[in-house]
N, C-alpha and C. Protein backbone atom coordinates (compact mmCIF):
# COMPACT_ATOMS: atom_id res chain seq x y z
N MET A 1 89.77 -21.55 -51.13
CA MET A 1 89.03 -20.77 -51.99
C MET A 1 87.54 -21.34 -51.77
N ASP A 2 86.55 -20.94 -50.84
CA ASP A 2 85.42 -21.58 -50.72
C ASP A 2 84.48 -21.27 -52.22
N LEU A 3 83.85 -22.34 -52.41
CA LEU A 3 82.99 -22.43 -53.55
C LEU A 3 81.67 -22.37 -53.09
N PRO A 4 80.79 -21.43 -53.85
CA PRO A 4 79.63 -21.40 -53.54
C PRO A 4 78.31 -22.57 -53.51
N THR A 5 77.86 -23.01 -52.17
CA THR A 5 76.86 -24.27 -52.45
C THR A 5 75.70 -23.49 -52.91
N LYS A 6 74.97 -24.74 -53.46
CA LYS A 6 73.16 -24.19 -53.54
C LYS A 6 72.78 -25.17 -52.85
N GLN A 7 71.70 -24.42 -51.69
CA GLN A 7 70.72 -25.10 -50.96
C GLN A 7 69.57 -25.45 -51.70
N ILE A 8 69.34 -26.63 -51.58
CA ILE A 8 68.33 -27.59 -52.45
C ILE A 8 67.15 -27.77 -50.94
N PRO A 9 65.80 -27.09 -51.70
CA PRO A 9 64.85 -27.80 -50.29
C PRO A 9 64.37 -28.76 -50.35
N PHE A 10 64.48 -29.78 -49.59
CA PHE A 10 63.50 -30.99 -49.51
C PHE A 10 62.57 -31.40 -48.73
N GLU A 11 61.74 -31.93 -49.15
CA GLU A 11 60.30 -32.55 -48.52
C GLU A 11 60.45 -33.21 -47.70
N ASP A 12 60.11 -33.07 -46.00
CA ASP A 12 60.25 -34.53 -45.08
C ASP A 12 59.72 -35.58 -45.86
N ALA A 13 60.39 -36.64 -45.88
CA ALA A 13 59.87 -37.72 -46.24
C ALA A 13 58.51 -38.53 -45.52
N LYS A 14 58.02 -38.95 -45.92
CA LYS A 14 57.00 -39.77 -45.37
C LYS A 14 57.01 -41.13 -45.36
N THR A 15 57.42 -41.79 -43.84
CA THR A 15 57.76 -43.38 -43.97
C THR A 15 56.55 -44.29 -43.70
N ALA A 16 55.59 -43.54 -43.02
CA ALA A 16 54.50 -43.95 -42.61
C ALA A 16 53.85 -44.82 -43.95
N PRO A 17 53.46 -46.61 -43.68
CA PRO A 17 52.42 -46.95 -44.71
C PRO A 17 51.49 -46.14 -45.14
N MET A 18 51.58 -46.38 -46.58
CA MET A 18 49.96 -45.27 -47.02
C MET A 18 49.84 -46.13 -48.24
N ILE A 19 48.03 -46.04 -48.25
CA ILE A 19 47.41 -46.84 -49.32
C ILE A 19 46.47 -45.81 -50.46
N THR A 20 46.74 -45.68 -51.65
CA THR A 20 45.91 -44.88 -52.58
C THR A 20 45.20 -45.27 -53.16
N LEU A 21 44.16 -44.79 -53.65
CA LEU A 21 43.23 -45.15 -54.42
C LEU A 21 42.81 -44.50 -55.88
N VAL A 22 43.26 -44.89 -57.12
CA VAL A 22 42.57 -44.51 -58.55
C VAL A 22 41.56 -44.84 -58.73
N ALA A 23 40.31 -44.12 -59.35
CA ALA A 23 39.46 -45.07 -60.14
C ALA A 23 39.38 -44.53 -61.40
N ASN A 24 39.57 -45.62 -62.14
CA ASN A 24 39.70 -45.79 -63.77
C ASN A 24 38.33 -45.91 -64.11
N ASP A 25 38.30 -46.16 -65.49
CA ASP A 25 36.70 -46.08 -65.98
C ASP A 25 35.87 -47.33 -65.46
N ASN A 26 36.84 -48.80 -65.58
CA ASN A 26 35.58 -50.12 -65.03
C ASN A 26 36.05 -50.23 -63.76
N TRP A 27 37.21 -50.13 -62.88
CA TRP A 27 37.76 -50.65 -61.83
C TRP A 27 38.40 -49.62 -61.14
N ALA A 28 38.65 -50.25 -59.60
CA ALA A 28 39.40 -49.19 -58.93
C ALA A 28 40.96 -49.91 -58.48
N GLU A 29 41.66 -48.94 -58.92
CA GLU A 29 43.37 -49.40 -58.83
C GLU A 29 44.07 -48.38 -57.29
N TYR A 30 44.67 -49.43 -56.14
CA TYR A 30 45.07 -49.40 -55.38
C TYR A 30 46.34 -49.32 -55.63
N THR A 31 47.49 -48.75 -54.57
CA THR A 31 48.66 -48.65 -54.85
C THR A 31 49.08 -49.03 -53.02
N LEU A 32 49.80 -49.75 -52.51
CA LEU A 32 50.64 -49.93 -51.42
C LEU A 32 51.56 -49.40 -51.10
N ARG A 33 52.21 -48.25 -50.27
CA ARG A 33 53.53 -47.71 -50.20
C ARG A 33 54.34 -48.13 -48.59
N TYR A 34 55.21 -48.63 -48.53
CA TYR A 34 55.68 -49.37 -47.20
C TYR A 34 57.19 -49.04 -47.24
N VAL A 35 58.03 -48.76 -46.31
CA VAL A 35 58.86 -48.48 -46.27
C VAL A 35 59.63 -49.88 -45.68
N VAL A 36 60.94 -50.43 -46.18
CA VAL A 36 61.32 -51.41 -45.45
C VAL A 36 63.12 -51.46 -46.03
N GLY A 37 63.54 -52.39 -45.31
CA GLY A 37 65.88 -52.15 -45.71
C GLY A 37 65.53 -53.02 -46.87
N SER A 38 66.38 -52.63 -47.71
CA SER A 38 66.57 -53.00 -49.23
C SER A 38 66.55 -54.83 -49.13
N LYS A 39 67.32 -55.32 -47.84
CA LYS A 39 66.90 -56.90 -48.08
C LYS A 39 65.67 -57.18 -47.88
N LYS A 40 64.83 -56.77 -47.78
CA LYS A 40 63.44 -57.22 -47.40
C LYS A 40 62.36 -57.16 -48.31
N ILE A 41 62.79 -56.30 -49.19
CA ILE A 41 61.80 -55.80 -50.38
C ILE A 41 60.93 -56.89 -51.09
N ARG A 42 61.61 -57.88 -51.40
CA ARG A 42 61.18 -58.99 -51.98
C ARG A 42 60.18 -59.94 -51.44
N THR A 43 60.56 -60.10 -49.93
CA THR A 43 60.00 -60.86 -49.23
C THR A 43 58.62 -60.16 -48.25
N THR A 44 59.14 -58.75 -48.29
CA THR A 44 57.84 -57.87 -47.78
C THR A 44 56.41 -58.03 -49.07
N LYS A 45 57.28 -57.93 -49.99
CA LYS A 45 56.02 -57.76 -51.06
C LYS A 45 55.19 -59.07 -51.35
N SER A 46 56.04 -59.93 -50.98
CA SER A 46 55.68 -61.46 -51.23
C SER A 46 54.34 -61.74 -49.88
N GLU A 47 54.77 -61.49 -48.92
CA GLU A 47 53.69 -61.93 -47.69
C GLU A 47 52.78 -60.65 -48.03
N LEU A 48 53.05 -59.35 -48.09
CA LEU A 48 51.59 -58.51 -48.37
C LEU A 48 50.64 -59.20 -49.21
N PHE A 49 51.16 -59.36 -50.65
CA PHE A 49 50.35 -59.96 -51.71
C PHE A 49 49.65 -60.86 -51.54
N THR A 50 50.11 -62.08 -50.38
CA THR A 50 49.53 -63.06 -50.09
C THR A 50 48.68 -63.32 -49.43
N LYS A 51 48.93 -62.14 -48.21
CA LYS A 51 47.60 -61.89 -47.07
C LYS A 51 46.25 -60.98 -47.77
N ILE A 52 46.75 -60.55 -49.12
CA ILE A 52 46.02 -59.78 -49.67
C ILE A 52 45.04 -60.37 -50.54
N LEU A 53 45.73 -61.64 -51.21
CA LEU A 53 44.84 -62.68 -51.92
C LEU A 53 44.19 -63.31 -50.92
N SER A 54 44.16 -63.87 -49.90
CA SER A 54 43.85 -64.94 -48.81
C SER A 54 42.73 -63.90 -48.23
N LYS A 55 42.45 -62.91 -48.17
CA LYS A 55 41.59 -61.81 -47.81
C LYS A 55 40.52 -61.68 -48.59
N ILE A 56 41.13 -61.58 -50.29
CA ILE A 56 40.14 -61.66 -51.22
C ILE A 56 39.47 -63.05 -51.49
N GLU A 57 39.95 -64.01 -50.94
CA GLU A 57 39.22 -65.69 -51.11
C GLU A 57 37.94 -65.35 -50.06
N THR A 58 38.28 -64.87 -49.14
CA THR A 58 37.26 -65.09 -48.19
C THR A 58 35.96 -64.13 -48.38
N THR A 59 36.08 -63.19 -49.72
CA THR A 59 34.62 -62.47 -50.13
C THR A 59 33.49 -63.42 -51.02
N ASN A 60 34.37 -64.73 -51.20
CA ASN A 60 33.39 -65.54 -51.63
C ASN A 60 33.18 -64.80 -53.29
N GLY A 61 33.83 -64.42 -53.99
CA GLY A 61 33.60 -63.66 -55.08
C GLY A 61 33.21 -62.27 -55.17
N ALA A 62 32.77 -61.73 -53.90
CA ALA A 62 32.30 -60.42 -53.94
C ALA A 62 33.17 -59.32 -54.28
N LEU A 63 34.59 -59.77 -54.35
CA LEU A 63 35.65 -58.84 -54.48
C LEU A 63 36.69 -59.87 -55.66
N LYS A 64 36.61 -59.48 -56.42
CA LYS A 64 37.67 -60.29 -57.44
C LYS A 64 38.88 -59.53 -58.11
N LEU A 65 40.11 -60.17 -58.55
CA LEU A 65 41.27 -59.48 -59.50
C LEU A 65 41.07 -59.18 -60.96
N ALA A 66 41.24 -58.37 -61.35
CA ALA A 66 40.98 -57.80 -63.07
C ALA A 66 42.35 -57.71 -63.54
N SER A 67 42.65 -57.62 -64.63
CA SER A 67 43.23 -56.96 -65.56
C SER A 67 42.98 -56.83 -66.94
N ALA A 68 43.76 -55.78 -67.17
CA ALA A 68 43.00 -55.52 -68.76
C ALA A 68 43.55 -56.39 -69.69
N THR A 69 42.82 -57.05 -70.94
CA THR A 69 43.26 -57.82 -72.04
C THR A 69 42.51 -57.27 -73.17
N PHE A 70 43.52 -56.82 -74.19
CA PHE A 70 43.13 -56.80 -75.57
C PHE A 70 43.46 -57.68 -76.80
N LYS A 71 42.62 -57.51 -77.24
CA LYS A 71 42.47 -58.62 -78.25
C LYS A 71 42.93 -57.69 -79.93
N LEU A 72 43.65 -58.06 -80.51
CA LEU A 72 44.10 -57.20 -81.84
C LEU A 72 43.19 -58.02 -82.72
N MET A 73 42.42 -57.36 -83.66
CA MET A 73 41.73 -58.15 -84.46
C MET A 73 42.17 -57.96 -85.99
N GLU A 74 42.95 -57.18 -86.48
CA GLU A 74 43.49 -57.22 -87.51
C GLU A 74 44.99 -56.29 -87.45
N ALA A 75 45.90 -56.91 -88.39
CA ALA A 75 47.23 -55.76 -88.15
C ALA A 75 46.88 -54.98 -89.09
N LEU A 76 47.53 -53.68 -89.17
CA LEU A 76 47.76 -52.81 -90.07
C LEU A 76 48.87 -52.76 -90.63
N ASP A 77 48.70 -52.83 -92.25
CA ASP A 77 49.99 -52.69 -92.78
C ASP A 77 50.90 -51.87 -93.02
N PHE A 78 51.99 -52.03 -92.62
CA PHE A 78 53.19 -50.65 -92.81
C PHE A 78 54.49 -51.16 -93.45
N LYS A 79 55.26 -50.31 -93.56
CA LYS A 79 56.35 -50.29 -94.37
C LYS A 79 57.27 -49.67 -93.75
N VAL A 80 58.69 -50.02 -93.85
CA VAL A 80 59.77 -49.94 -93.19
C VAL A 80 60.88 -49.53 -94.12
N ASN A 81 61.61 -48.37 -94.06
CA ASN A 81 62.64 -48.16 -94.81
C ASN A 81 63.80 -47.82 -94.28
N VAL A 82 65.02 -48.51 -94.33
CA VAL A 82 66.05 -47.89 -93.72
C VAL A 82 67.06 -47.96 -94.62
N LYS A 83 67.66 -46.76 -94.26
CA LYS A 83 68.75 -46.09 -95.11
C LYS A 83 70.08 -46.29 -94.52
N LYS A 84 71.21 -46.87 -95.16
CA LYS A 84 72.52 -46.97 -94.51
C LYS A 84 73.46 -45.89 -94.58
N LYS A 85 73.61 -45.27 -93.63
CA LYS A 85 74.28 -43.87 -93.69
C LYS A 85 75.56 -43.89 -93.11
N TRP A 86 76.84 -44.87 -93.92
CA TRP A 86 78.09 -44.95 -93.34
C TRP A 86 79.14 -44.22 -93.89
């Protein structure tokens, strides 16, 4: 007896390297997308990041890396009530 099969449409995968940009409140966030074999993921990421840092250094401070930092001014009081139901 043949069982019915369901056809699932798949989008053609884009395998070309891609750079996307998202503009946030105070900065621009770039995402790099690249396809490599599973054994080269870490080394490729490290090589790309090293090259990007080298290029940023050549801008003499015109381009800088940034990260969000938050300072907790005051901790709020809260209660936790745990009841065992065994």
